[in-house]
Amino acid sequence: MAPFAVPFFGSFQLFNLKRRTNIMDGYSDSKRILEVIRNSNSLRRSKHMVVEAIIKELKEGKNEPIAITDDPKFGTNVLTTQIDSFKTSVYSGAKFSKANEGDPESNPLVYYPNTGNLVFSGTIPALSDMKFQFSLNDITNAPFIFVNGLSLTKNVISTLNKMNGFYENWKEEWQMAGDMLESLKKN
């Protein structure tokens, strides 16, 4: 019987060791899950705060967007420079709406003074009329795309990667140009 008891005891110890390891792995997994939950809760709170700010602006009637155009008050050819830069860096066939003084939100580059947000948008017709939108203050820190039925070919993925890189540079440049945007709030 002694030879039987030793392997049983040894396998019992091995079982406990495995159990402790699984518990520790479970602890690590639980810890990671809690981190994700905490981060998603903070994102929800941030989104909730943004929604509350927008609702407050709408109630106060102060949601007056400003179309950023080539008008000298914004700088030298600000809108044209943005569009040309996008076409050179991302996709030459991109389309942008025409400046419309009567409807500032229909313009490709719009500033929202109460939230301090800047939005740049357009369309790439060759990619199933994919619409894109960059938002300076968006919590996702990523461009938005809106498209139906787009095949993810190497060329499309390359264009999307270029768009993401352009977005990163665009956001950084506008954050550094914060003084110009702040001056628009005062006008």
N, C-alpha and C. Protein backbone atom coordinates (compact mmCIF):
# COMPACT_ATOMS: atom_id res chain seq x y z
N MET A 1 0.79 -1.18 0.00
CA MET A 1 0.00 0.00 0.00
C MET A 1 0.84 1.25 0.00
N ALA A 2 1.97 1.20 0.57
CA ALA A 2 2.81 2.40 0.65
C ALA A 2 3.12 2.96 -0.72
N PRO A 3 3.45 2.10 -1.75
CA PRO A 3 3.71 2.69 -3.06
C PRO A 3 2.49 3.42 -3.61
N PHE A 4 1.28 2.98 -3.28
CA PHE A 4 0.07 3.64 -3.77
C PHE A 4 -0.16 4.98 -3.09
N ALA A 5 0.14 5.06 -1.79
CA ALA A 5 -0.11 6.28 -1.03
C ALA A 5 0.80 7.42 -1.48
N VAL A 6 2.04 7.11 -1.84
CA VAL A 6 2.96 8.17 -2.23
C VAL A 6 2.53 8.84 -3.53
N PRO A 7 2.22 8.05 -4.60
CA PRO A 7 1.77 8.74 -5.81
C PRO A 7 0.47 9.50 -5.58
N PHE A 8 -0.45 8.97 -4.78
CA PHE A 8 -1.70 9.66 -4.52
C PHE A 8 -1.43 10.99 -3.82
N PHE A 9 -0.54 10.94 -2.79
CA PHE A 9 -0.19 12.15 -2.07
C PHE A 9 0.48 13.14 -3.01
N GLY A 10 1.37 12.61 -3.87
CA GLY A 10 2.07 13.47 -4.82
C GLY A 10 1.10 14.10 -5.80
N SER A 11 0.15 13.36 -6.32
CA SER A 11 -0.80 13.93 -7.26
C SER A 11 -1.73 14.90 -6.54
N PHE A 12 -2.00 14.65 -5.22
CA PHE A 12 -2.82 15.59 -4.45
C PHE A 12 -2.08 16.93 -4.34
N GLN A 13 -0.78 16.86 -4.06
CA GLN A 13 0.02 18.08 -3.98
C GLN A 13 0.03 18.78 -5.34
N LEU A 14 0.18 18.01 -6.41
CA LEU A 14 0.19 18.58 -7.75
C LEU A 14 -1.16 19.23 -8.04
N PHE A 15 -2.24 18.59 -7.62
CA PHE A 15 -3.58 19.16 -7.81
C PHE A 15 -3.69 20.50 -7.08
N ASN A 16 -3.22 20.53 -5.82
CA ASN A 16 -3.27 21.78 -5.05
C ASN A 16 -2.42 22.86 -5.71
N LEU A 17 -1.26 22.48 -6.24
CA LEU A 17 -0.40 23.44 -6.91
C LEU A 17 -1.12 23.99 -8.15
N LYS A 18 -1.72 23.09 -8.92
CA LYS A 18 -2.48 23.53 -10.10
C LYS A 18 -3.64 24.42 -9.69
N ARG A 19 -4.31 24.03 -8.62
CA ARG A 19 -5.46 24.80 -8.14
C ARG A 19 -5.02 26.21 -7.73
N ARG A 20 -3.90 26.29 -6.98
CA ARG A 20 -3.40 27.60 -6.57
C ARG A 20 -3.01 28.43 -7.80
N THR A 21 -2.39 27.80 -8.79
CA THR A 21 -2.00 28.50 -10.02
C THR A 21 -3.24 29.00 -10.74
N ASN A 22 -4.27 28.15 -10.83
CA ASN A 22 -5.51 28.56 -11.48
C ASN A 22 -6.18 29.70 -10.72
N ILE A 23 -6.11 29.63 -9.39
CA ILE A 23 -6.68 30.72 -8.60
C ILE A 23 -5.93 32.01 -8.88
N MET A 24 -4.60 31.93 -8.95
CA MET A 24 -3.81 33.13 -9.23
C MET A 24 -4.09 33.64 -10.64
N ASP A 25 -4.21 32.72 -11.62
CA ASP A 25 -4.57 33.15 -12.98
C ASP A 25 -5.95 33.79 -12.97
N GLY A 26 -6.87 33.19 -12.21
CA GLY A 26 -8.21 33.76 -12.10
C GLY A 26 -8.17 35.13 -11.46
N TYR A 27 -7.28 35.30 -10.46
CA TYR A 27 -7.13 36.61 -9.81
C TYR A 27 -6.64 37.63 -10.83
N SER A 28 -5.65 37.26 -11.64
CA SER A 28 -5.13 38.17 -12.66
C SER A 28 -6.20 38.52 -13.68
N ASP A 29 -6.95 37.50 -14.09
CA ASP A 29 -8.03 37.74 -15.04
C ASP A 29 -9.08 38.66 -14.43
N SER A 30 -9.44 38.40 -13.18
CA SER A 30 -10.43 39.24 -12.51
C SER A 30 -9.94 40.67 -12.39
N LYS A 31 -8.67 40.81 -12.07
CA LYS A 31 -8.08 42.14 -11.94
C LYS A 31 -8.16 42.89 -13.28
N ARG A 32 -7.83 42.20 -14.39
CA ARG A 32 -7.91 42.82 -15.71
C ARG A 32 -9.35 43.17 -16.07
N ILE A 33 -10.28 42.29 -15.73
CA ILE A 33 -11.70 42.56 -16.01
C ILE A 33 -12.17 43.79 -15.24
N LEU A 34 -11.77 43.90 -13.98
CA LEU A 34 -12.15 45.07 -13.18
C LEU A 34 -11.57 46.35 -13.77
N GLU A 35 -10.32 46.28 -14.28
CA GLU A 35 -9.73 47.46 -14.91
C GLU A 35 -10.54 47.89 -16.13
N VAL A 36 -10.95 46.92 -16.94
CA VAL A 36 -11.76 47.22 -18.12
C VAL A 36 -13.09 47.85 -17.71
N ILE A 37 -13.72 47.27 -16.67
CA ILE A 37 -15.00 47.81 -16.21
C ILE A 37 -14.81 49.23 -15.69
N ARG A 38 -13.76 49.45 -14.92
CA ARG A 38 -13.52 50.81 -14.40
C ARG A 38 -13.30 51.79 -15.54
N ASN A 39 -12.50 51.38 -16.54
CA ASN A 39 -12.26 52.27 -17.68
C ASN A 39 -13.53 52.53 -18.46
N SER A 40 -14.35 51.50 -18.66
CA SER A 40 -15.58 51.71 -19.41
C SER A 40 -16.54 52.59 -18.61
N ASN A 41 -16.53 52.46 -17.27
CA ASN A 41 -17.37 53.34 -16.46
C ASN A 41 -16.92 54.77 -16.59
N SER A 42 -15.61 55.01 -16.62
CA SER A 42 -15.14 56.39 -16.76
C SER A 42 -15.47 56.91 -18.15
N LEU A 43 -15.42 56.05 -19.17
CA LEU A 43 -15.83 56.48 -20.50
C LEU A 43 -17.32 56.82 -20.53
N ARG A 44 -18.12 55.98 -19.85
CA ARG A 44 -19.56 56.27 -19.79
C ARG A 44 -19.81 57.59 -19.09
N ARG A 45 -19.08 57.82 -17.98
CA ARG A 45 -19.24 59.09 -17.26
C ARG A 45 -18.84 60.25 -18.16
N SER A 46 -17.73 60.09 -18.91
CA SER A 46 -17.28 61.16 -19.81
C SER A 46 -18.32 61.41 -20.88
N LYS A 47 -18.83 60.34 -21.48
CA LYS A 47 -19.87 60.50 -22.50
C LYS A 47 -21.09 61.17 -21.89
N HIS A 48 -21.45 60.76 -20.68
CA HIS A 48 -22.60 61.35 -20.02
C HIS A 48 -22.39 62.84 -19.79
N MET A 49 -21.18 63.22 -19.40
CA MET A 49 -20.87 64.63 -19.18
C MET A 49 -20.96 65.42 -20.48
N VAL A 50 -20.48 64.83 -21.58
CA VAL A 50 -20.56 65.50 -22.88
C VAL A 50 -22.02 65.69 -23.28
N VAL A 51 -22.82 64.64 -23.10
CA VAL A 51 -24.25 64.73 -23.44
C VAL A 51 -24.93 65.80 -22.59
N GLU A 52 -24.61 65.83 -21.30
CA GLU A 52 -25.19 66.86 -20.43
C GLU A 52 -24.80 68.26 -20.90
N ALA A 53 -23.54 68.44 -21.30
CA ALA A 53 -23.08 69.75 -21.77
C ALA A 53 -23.83 70.15 -23.04
N ILE A 54 -24.05 69.20 -23.93
CA ILE A 54 -24.76 69.49 -25.18
C ILE A 54 -26.21 69.86 -24.87
N ILE A 55 -26.85 69.10 -23.98
CA ILE A 55 -28.24 69.40 -23.61
C ILE A 55 -28.32 70.78 -22.98
N LYS A 56 -27.37 71.11 -22.12
CA LYS A 56 -27.35 72.43 -21.48
C LYS A 56 -27.22 73.53 -22.54
N GLU A 57 -26.34 73.34 -23.52
CA GLU A 57 -26.17 74.32 -24.59
C GLU A 57 -27.46 74.50 -25.38
N LEU A 58 -28.11 73.38 -25.68
CA LEU A 58 -29.36 73.47 -26.45
C LEU A 58 -30.43 74.21 -25.66
N LYS A 59 -30.52 73.95 -24.35
CA LYS A 59 -31.50 74.63 -23.52
C LYS A 59 -31.22 76.13 -23.44
N GLU A 60 -29.94 76.48 -23.37
CA GLU A 60 -29.57 77.89 -23.25
C GLU A 60 -29.59 78.60 -24.60
N GLY A 61 -29.71 77.85 -25.67
CA GLY A 61 -29.76 78.45 -27.01
C GLY A 61 -28.44 79.03 -27.44
N LYS A 62 -27.35 78.54 -26.88
CA LYS A 62 -26.03 79.07 -27.21
C LYS A 62 -25.24 78.15 -28.14
N ASN A 63 -25.89 77.21 -28.75
CA ASN A 63 -25.19 76.28 -29.61
C ASN A 63 -25.10 76.87 -31.02
N GLU A 64 -24.22 77.82 -31.18
CA GLU A 64 -24.06 78.47 -32.46
C GLU A 64 -22.73 78.08 -33.08
N PRO A 65 -22.73 77.08 -33.95
CA PRO A 65 -21.49 76.65 -34.57
C PRO A 65 -20.92 77.73 -35.50
N ILE A 66 -19.62 77.69 -35.67
CA ILE A 66 -18.93 78.64 -36.54
C ILE A 66 -18.26 77.86 -37.66
N ALA A 67 -18.62 78.18 -38.89
CA ALA A 67 -17.98 77.54 -40.04
C ALA A 67 -16.61 78.17 -40.23
N ILE A 68 -15.57 77.35 -40.20
CA ILE A 68 -14.21 77.83 -40.44
C ILE A 68 -14.01 77.81 -41.95
N THR A 69 -13.76 78.97 -42.51
CA THR A 69 -13.62 79.11 -43.97
C THR A 69 -12.25 79.70 -44.29
N ASP A 70 -12.11 80.18 -45.51
CA ASP A 70 -10.87 80.85 -45.92
C ASP A 70 -10.90 82.34 -45.59
N ASP A 71 -11.90 82.77 -44.86
CA ASP A 71 -11.98 84.17 -44.45
C ASP A 71 -10.71 84.53 -43.67
N PRO A 72 -10.11 85.68 -43.96
CA PRO A 72 -8.86 86.07 -43.28
C PRO A 72 -8.96 86.13 -41.76
N LYS A 73 -10.16 86.28 -41.21
CA LYS A 73 -10.28 86.32 -39.74
C LYS A 73 -9.88 85.00 -39.10
N PHE A 74 -9.87 83.90 -39.89
CA PHE A 74 -9.47 82.60 -39.38
C PHE A 74 -8.00 82.30 -39.66
N GLY A 75 -7.38 83.10 -40.50
CA GLY A 75 -6.01 82.85 -40.91
C GLY A 75 -5.95 82.76 -42.42
N THR A 76 -4.80 82.43 -42.94
CA THR A 76 -4.62 82.37 -44.38
C THR A 76 -5.10 81.04 -44.94
N ASN A 77 -6.17 81.07 -45.69
CA ASN A 77 -6.71 79.88 -46.38
C ASN A 77 -6.79 78.64 -45.49
N VAL A 78 -7.35 78.79 -44.32
CA VAL A 78 -7.41 77.69 -43.36
C VAL A 78 -8.16 76.49 -43.92
N LEU A 79 -9.34 76.71 -44.47
CA LEU A 79 -10.14 75.60 -44.98
C LEU A 79 -9.47 74.93 -46.18
N THR A 80 -9.02 75.73 -47.13
CA THR A 80 -8.35 75.18 -48.33
C THR A 80 -7.11 74.39 -47.94
N THR A 81 -6.36 74.89 -46.98
CA THR A 81 -5.16 74.18 -46.52
C THR A 81 -5.52 72.83 -45.92
N GLN A 82 -6.60 72.79 -45.11
CA GLN A 82 -7.04 71.52 -44.51
C GLN A 82 -7.43 70.52 -45.59
N ILE A 83 -8.21 70.98 -46.55
CA ILE A 83 -8.70 70.10 -47.62
C ILE A 83 -7.54 69.61 -48.49
N ASP A 84 -6.68 70.53 -48.91
CA ASP A 84 -5.53 70.14 -49.75
C ASP A 84 -4.61 69.18 -49.03
N SER A 85 -4.39 69.43 -47.76
CA SER A 85 -3.54 68.55 -46.97
C SER A 85 -4.13 67.14 -46.88
N PHE A 86 -5.44 67.06 -46.68
CA PHE A 86 -6.10 65.75 -46.62
C PHE A 86 -5.97 65.04 -47.97
N LYS A 87 -6.25 65.76 -49.05
CA LYS A 87 -6.18 65.15 -50.38
C LYS A 87 -4.77 64.68 -50.71
N THR A 88 -3.77 65.42 -50.28
CA THR A 88 -2.38 65.03 -50.54
C THR A 88 -1.97 63.85 -49.69
N SER A 89 -2.37 63.84 -48.44
CA SER A 89 -1.91 62.82 -47.50
C SER A 89 -2.73 61.53 -47.51
N VAL A 90 -4.03 61.64 -47.75
CA VAL A 90 -4.90 60.48 -47.59
C VAL A 90 -5.45 59.97 -48.93
N TYR A 91 -6.25 60.81 -49.60
CA TYR A 91 -6.89 60.36 -50.84
C TYR A 91 -7.22 61.57 -51.70
N SER A 92 -6.66 61.62 -52.89
CA SER A 92 -6.81 62.80 -53.75
C SER A 92 -8.24 63.00 -54.25
N GLY A 93 -9.05 61.95 -54.27
CA GLY A 93 -10.41 62.06 -54.77
C GLY A 93 -11.44 62.40 -53.71
N ALA A 94 -10.99 62.80 -52.52
CA ALA A 94 -11.93 63.14 -51.44
C ALA A 94 -12.76 64.35 -51.83
N LYS A 95 -14.01 64.37 -51.37
CA LYS A 95 -14.94 65.47 -51.66
C LYS A 95 -15.34 66.14 -50.34
N PHE A 96 -15.52 67.45 -50.43
CA PHE A 96 -15.90 68.23 -49.27
C PHE A 96 -17.05 69.15 -49.67
N SER A 97 -17.95 69.40 -48.74
CA SER A 97 -19.09 70.29 -49.05
C SER A 97 -18.59 71.71 -49.25
N LYS A 98 -19.38 72.48 -49.96
CA LYS A 98 -19.05 73.90 -50.21
C LYS A 98 -19.40 74.70 -48.97
N ALA A 99 -18.65 75.78 -48.76
CA ALA A 99 -18.92 76.66 -47.63
C ALA A 99 -20.32 77.25 -47.77
N ASN A 100 -21.07 77.22 -46.67
CA ASN A 100 -22.45 77.70 -46.66
C ASN A 100 -22.65 78.55 -45.41
N GLU A 101 -22.69 79.85 -45.60
CA GLU A 101 -22.84 80.78 -44.47
C GLU A 101 -24.15 80.58 -43.73
N GLY A 102 -25.22 80.22 -44.44
CA GLY A 102 -26.54 80.06 -43.83
C GLY A 102 -26.67 78.84 -42.94
N ASP A 103 -25.86 77.83 -43.19
CA ASP A 103 -25.91 76.58 -42.42
C ASP A 103 -24.49 76.17 -42.04
N PRO A 104 -23.94 76.73 -40.97
CA PRO A 104 -22.55 76.46 -40.62
C PRO A 104 -22.23 74.98 -40.44
N GLU A 105 -23.18 74.20 -39.93
CA GLU A 105 -22.91 72.78 -39.67
C GLU A 105 -22.74 71.95 -40.94
N SER A 106 -23.14 72.48 -42.09
CA SER A 106 -22.98 71.73 -43.33
C SER A 106 -21.60 71.95 -43.94
N ASN A 107 -20.79 72.77 -43.32
CA ASN A 107 -19.44 73.05 -43.81
C ASN A 107 -18.47 71.95 -43.40
N PRO A 108 -17.37 71.81 -44.15
CA PRO A 108 -16.42 70.74 -43.83
C PRO A 108 -15.64 70.96 -42.54
N LEU A 109 -15.48 72.21 -42.10
CA LEU A 109 -14.72 72.50 -40.89
C LEU A 109 -15.56 73.43 -40.01
N VAL A 110 -16.01 72.90 -38.87
CA VAL A 110 -16.94 73.62 -38.01
C VAL A 110 -16.41 73.63 -36.57
N TYR A 111 -16.49 74.80 -35.95
CA TYR A 111 -16.08 74.96 -34.55
C TYR A 111 -17.32 75.20 -33.69
N TYR A 112 -17.39 74.49 -32.57
CA TYR A 112 -18.48 74.64 -31.61
C TYR A 112 -17.92 75.32 -30.36
N PRO A 113 -18.13 76.63 -30.22
CA PRO A 113 -17.49 77.39 -29.14
C PRO A 113 -17.82 76.93 -27.73
N ASN A 114 -19.03 76.50 -27.47
CA ASN A 114 -19.40 76.14 -26.10
C ASN A 114 -18.76 74.85 -25.64
N THR A 115 -18.47 73.94 -26.55
CA THR A 115 -17.80 72.70 -26.17
C THR A 115 -16.32 72.74 -26.51
N GLY A 116 -15.92 73.75 -27.30
CA GLY A 116 -14.53 73.84 -27.72
C GLY A 116 -14.15 72.77 -28.72
N ASN A 117 -15.15 72.22 -29.39
CA ASN A 117 -14.88 71.13 -30.32
C ASN A 117 -14.77 71.65 -31.75
N LEU A 118 -13.91 71.02 -32.51
CA LEU A 118 -13.73 71.31 -33.92
C LEU A 118 -13.99 70.02 -34.68
N VAL A 119 -14.79 70.11 -35.76
CA VAL A 119 -15.15 68.92 -36.54
C VAL A 119 -14.78 69.16 -38.00
N PHE A 120 -14.10 68.17 -38.58
CA PHE A 120 -13.70 68.20 -39.98
C PHE A 120 -14.30 66.97 -40.65
N SER A 121 -15.01 67.16 -41.78
CA SER A 121 -15.67 66.02 -42.39
C SER A 121 -15.66 66.10 -43.91
N GLY A 122 -15.82 64.95 -44.53
CA GLY A 122 -15.87 64.87 -45.97
C GLY A 122 -16.27 63.47 -46.41
N THR A 123 -16.09 63.21 -47.71
CA THR A 123 -16.49 61.93 -48.30
C THR A 123 -15.40 61.44 -49.24
N ILE A 124 -15.24 60.13 -49.30
CA ILE A 124 -14.35 59.53 -50.30
C ILE A 124 -15.24 58.67 -51.19
N PRO A 125 -15.66 59.23 -52.36
CA PRO A 125 -16.60 58.53 -53.24
C PRO A 125 -16.11 57.15 -53.71
N ALA A 126 -14.83 57.00 -53.97
CA ALA A 126 -14.30 55.73 -54.49
C ALA A 126 -14.35 54.60 -53.47
N LEU A 127 -14.57 54.92 -52.21
CA LEU A 127 -14.67 53.90 -51.17
C LEU A 127 -16.12 53.77 -50.71
N SER A 128 -16.98 53.44 -51.64
CA SER A 128 -18.42 53.26 -51.37
C SER A 128 -19.03 54.50 -50.73
N ASP A 129 -18.63 55.66 -51.20
CA ASP A 129 -19.10 56.94 -50.64
C ASP A 129 -18.89 57.03 -49.13
N MET A 130 -17.75 56.55 -48.68
CA MET A 130 -17.44 56.56 -47.26
C MET A 130 -17.36 58.00 -46.75
N LYS A 131 -18.13 58.28 -45.73
CA LYS A 131 -18.07 59.58 -45.08
C LYS A 131 -17.14 59.45 -43.88
N PHE A 132 -16.39 60.50 -43.61
CA PHE A 132 -15.50 60.49 -42.45
C PHE A 132 -15.70 61.76 -41.66
N GLN A 133 -15.37 61.68 -40.38
CA GLN A 133 -15.49 62.84 -39.52
C GLN A 133 -14.41 62.78 -38.46
N PHE A 134 -13.70 63.90 -38.32
CA PHE A 134 -12.70 64.06 -37.27
C PHE A 134 -13.30 64.99 -36.22
N SER A 135 -13.11 64.65 -34.98
CA SER A 135 -13.60 65.48 -33.88
C SER A 135 -12.44 65.74 -32.93
N LEU A 136 -12.15 67.01 -32.69
CA LEU A 136 -11.00 67.37 -31.87
C LEU A 136 -11.13 66.87 -30.44
N ASN A 137 -12.31 66.93 -29.87
CA ASN A 137 -12.49 66.60 -28.46
C ASN A 137 -13.16 65.26 -28.22
N ASP A 138 -13.19 64.40 -29.19
CA ASP A 138 -13.86 63.12 -29.01
C ASP A 138 -13.04 62.23 -28.08
N ILE A 139 -13.71 61.53 -27.17
CA ILE A 139 -13.01 60.71 -26.18
C ILE A 139 -12.41 59.43 -26.77
N THR A 140 -12.83 59.04 -27.96
CA THR A 140 -12.28 57.83 -28.57
C THR A 140 -10.91 58.07 -29.19
N ASN A 141 -10.56 59.33 -29.43
CA ASN A 141 -9.29 59.68 -30.08
C ASN A 141 -9.10 58.93 -31.38
N ALA A 142 -10.16 58.86 -32.16
CA ALA A 142 -10.09 58.18 -33.45
C ALA A 142 -11.08 58.82 -34.41
N PRO A 143 -10.78 58.75 -35.70
CA PRO A 143 -11.73 59.29 -36.68
C PRO A 143 -12.94 58.37 -36.80
N PHE A 144 -14.05 58.94 -37.21
CA PHE A 144 -15.26 58.17 -37.46
C PHE A 144 -15.40 57.97 -38.96
N ILE A 145 -15.87 56.78 -39.34
CA ILE A 145 -16.21 56.54 -40.74
C ILE A 145 -17.62 55.97 -40.80
N PHE A 146 -18.31 56.33 -41.88
CA PHE A 146 -19.68 55.87 -42.09
C PHE A 146 -19.73 55.34 -43.51
N VAL A 147 -20.01 54.03 -43.65
CA VAL A 147 -19.96 53.41 -44.97
C VAL A 147 -20.84 52.16 -45.00
N ASN A 148 -21.35 51.85 -46.19
CA ASN A 148 -22.10 50.62 -46.41
C ASN A 148 -21.38 49.80 -47.48
N GLY A 149 -21.17 48.53 -47.21
CA GLY A 149 -20.66 47.61 -48.21
C GLY A 149 -19.28 47.91 -48.75
N LEU A 150 -18.31 48.08 -47.89
CA LEU A 150 -16.94 48.36 -48.30
C LEU A 150 -16.09 47.11 -48.10
N SER A 151 -15.44 46.63 -49.17
CA SER A 151 -14.53 45.49 -49.06
C SER A 151 -13.20 45.96 -48.50
N LEU A 152 -12.69 45.26 -47.52
CA LEU A 152 -11.43 45.65 -46.89
C LEU A 152 -10.24 45.08 -47.67
N THR A 153 -10.00 45.68 -48.81
CA THR A 153 -8.84 45.30 -49.61
C THR A 153 -7.59 45.95 -49.03
N LYS A 154 -6.43 45.54 -49.52
CA LYS A 154 -5.17 46.14 -49.05
C LYS A 154 -5.17 47.64 -49.31
N ASN A 155 -5.71 48.05 -50.45
CA ASN A 155 -5.75 49.46 -50.81
C ASN A 155 -6.64 50.25 -49.85
N VAL A 156 -7.79 49.68 -49.51
CA VAL A 156 -8.72 50.34 -48.59
C VAL A 156 -8.09 50.44 -47.20
N ILE A 157 -7.48 49.35 -46.74
CA ILE A 157 -6.83 49.36 -45.43
C ILE A 157 -5.70 50.38 -45.40
N SER A 158 -4.96 50.47 -46.48
CA SER A 158 -3.89 51.47 -46.57
C SER A 158 -4.46 52.88 -46.45
N THR A 159 -5.57 53.13 -47.15
CA THR A 159 -6.21 54.45 -47.08
C THR A 159 -6.71 54.74 -45.67
N LEU A 160 -7.30 53.75 -45.02
CA LEU A 160 -7.79 53.93 -43.65
C LEU A 160 -6.62 54.21 -42.69
N ASN A 161 -5.51 53.53 -42.89
CA ASN A 161 -4.33 53.79 -42.06
C ASN A 161 -3.81 55.20 -42.28
N LYS A 162 -3.80 55.65 -43.54
CA LYS A 162 -3.38 57.03 -43.84
C LYS A 162 -4.33 58.02 -43.18
N MET A 163 -5.62 57.71 -43.22
CA MET A 163 -6.61 58.59 -42.60
C MET A 163 -6.38 58.69 -41.10
N ASN A 164 -6.11 57.58 -40.47
CA ASN A 164 -5.87 57.58 -39.03
C ASN A 164 -4.61 58.39 -38.70
N GLY A 165 -3.56 58.23 -39.50
CA GLY A 165 -2.33 59.01 -39.29
C GLY A 165 -2.58 60.49 -39.49
N PHE A 166 -3.35 60.82 -40.51
CA PHE A 166 -3.68 62.23 -40.77
C PHE A 166 -4.47 62.79 -39.59
N TYR A 167 -5.42 62.00 -39.09
CA TYR A 167 -6.22 62.44 -37.93
C TYR A 167 -5.33 62.77 -36.74
N GLU A 168 -4.37 61.89 -36.45
CA GLU A 168 -3.46 62.12 -35.32
C GLU A 168 -2.73 63.45 -35.49
N ASN A 169 -2.20 63.71 -36.69
CA ASN A 169 -1.49 64.96 -36.96
C ASN A 169 -2.43 66.15 -36.90
N TRP A 170 -3.62 66.00 -37.48
CA TRP A 170 -4.63 67.06 -37.50
C TRP A 170 -4.98 67.47 -36.08
N LYS A 171 -5.24 66.49 -35.24
CA LYS A 171 -5.63 66.76 -33.86
C LYS A 171 -4.50 67.48 -33.12
N GLU A 172 -3.28 67.00 -33.29
CA GLU A 172 -2.14 67.61 -32.61
C GLU A 172 -1.94 69.06 -33.06
N GLU A 173 -2.05 69.31 -34.37
CA GLU A 173 -1.89 70.67 -34.89
C GLU A 173 -2.95 71.61 -34.33
N TRP A 174 -4.21 71.15 -34.30
CA TRP A 174 -5.27 72.02 -33.80
C TRP A 174 -5.19 72.22 -32.29
N GLN A 175 -4.71 71.23 -31.58
CA GLN A 175 -4.54 71.41 -30.14
C GLN A 175 -3.46 72.45 -29.86
N MET A 176 -2.41 72.47 -30.69
CA MET A 176 -1.37 73.49 -30.53
C MET A 176 -1.88 74.86 -30.95
N ALA A 177 -2.88 74.91 -31.84
CA ALA A 177 -3.45 76.17 -32.31
C ALA A 177 -4.65 76.57 -31.46
N GLY A 178 -4.68 76.13 -30.24
CA GLY A 178 -5.80 76.39 -29.35
C GLY A 178 -6.12 77.87 -29.16
N ASP A 179 -5.09 78.72 -29.25
CA ASP A 179 -5.31 80.16 -29.07
C ASP A 179 -6.27 80.69 -30.12
N MET A 180 -6.12 80.22 -31.35
CA MET A 180 -7.00 80.69 -32.43
C MET A 180 -8.44 80.28 -32.13
N LEU A 181 -8.63 79.06 -31.68
CA LEU A 181 -9.98 78.60 -31.36
C LEU A 181 -10.55 79.36 -30.16
N GLU A 182 -9.73 79.61 -29.16
CA GLU A 182 -10.18 80.37 -27.99
C GLU A 182 -10.60 81.77 -28.38
N SER A 183 -9.90 82.37 -29.35
CA SER A 183 -10.26 83.73 -29.77
C SER A 183 -11.62 83.73 -30.47
N LEU A 184 -12.00 82.61 -31.10
CA LEU A 184 -13.31 82.53 -31.74
C LEU A 184 -14.43 82.54 -30.71
N LYS A 185 -14.17 82.01 -29.53
CA LYS A 185 -15.18 81.98 -28.47
C LYS A 185 -15.55 83.41 -28.05
N LYS A 186 -14.57 84.29 -28.07
CA LYS A 186 -14.76 85.66 -27.60
C LYS A 186 -15.50 86.52 -28.61
N ASN A 187 -15.44 86.12 -29.89
CA ASN A 187 -16.09 86.92 -30.95
C ASN A 187 -17.56 86.64 -31.07
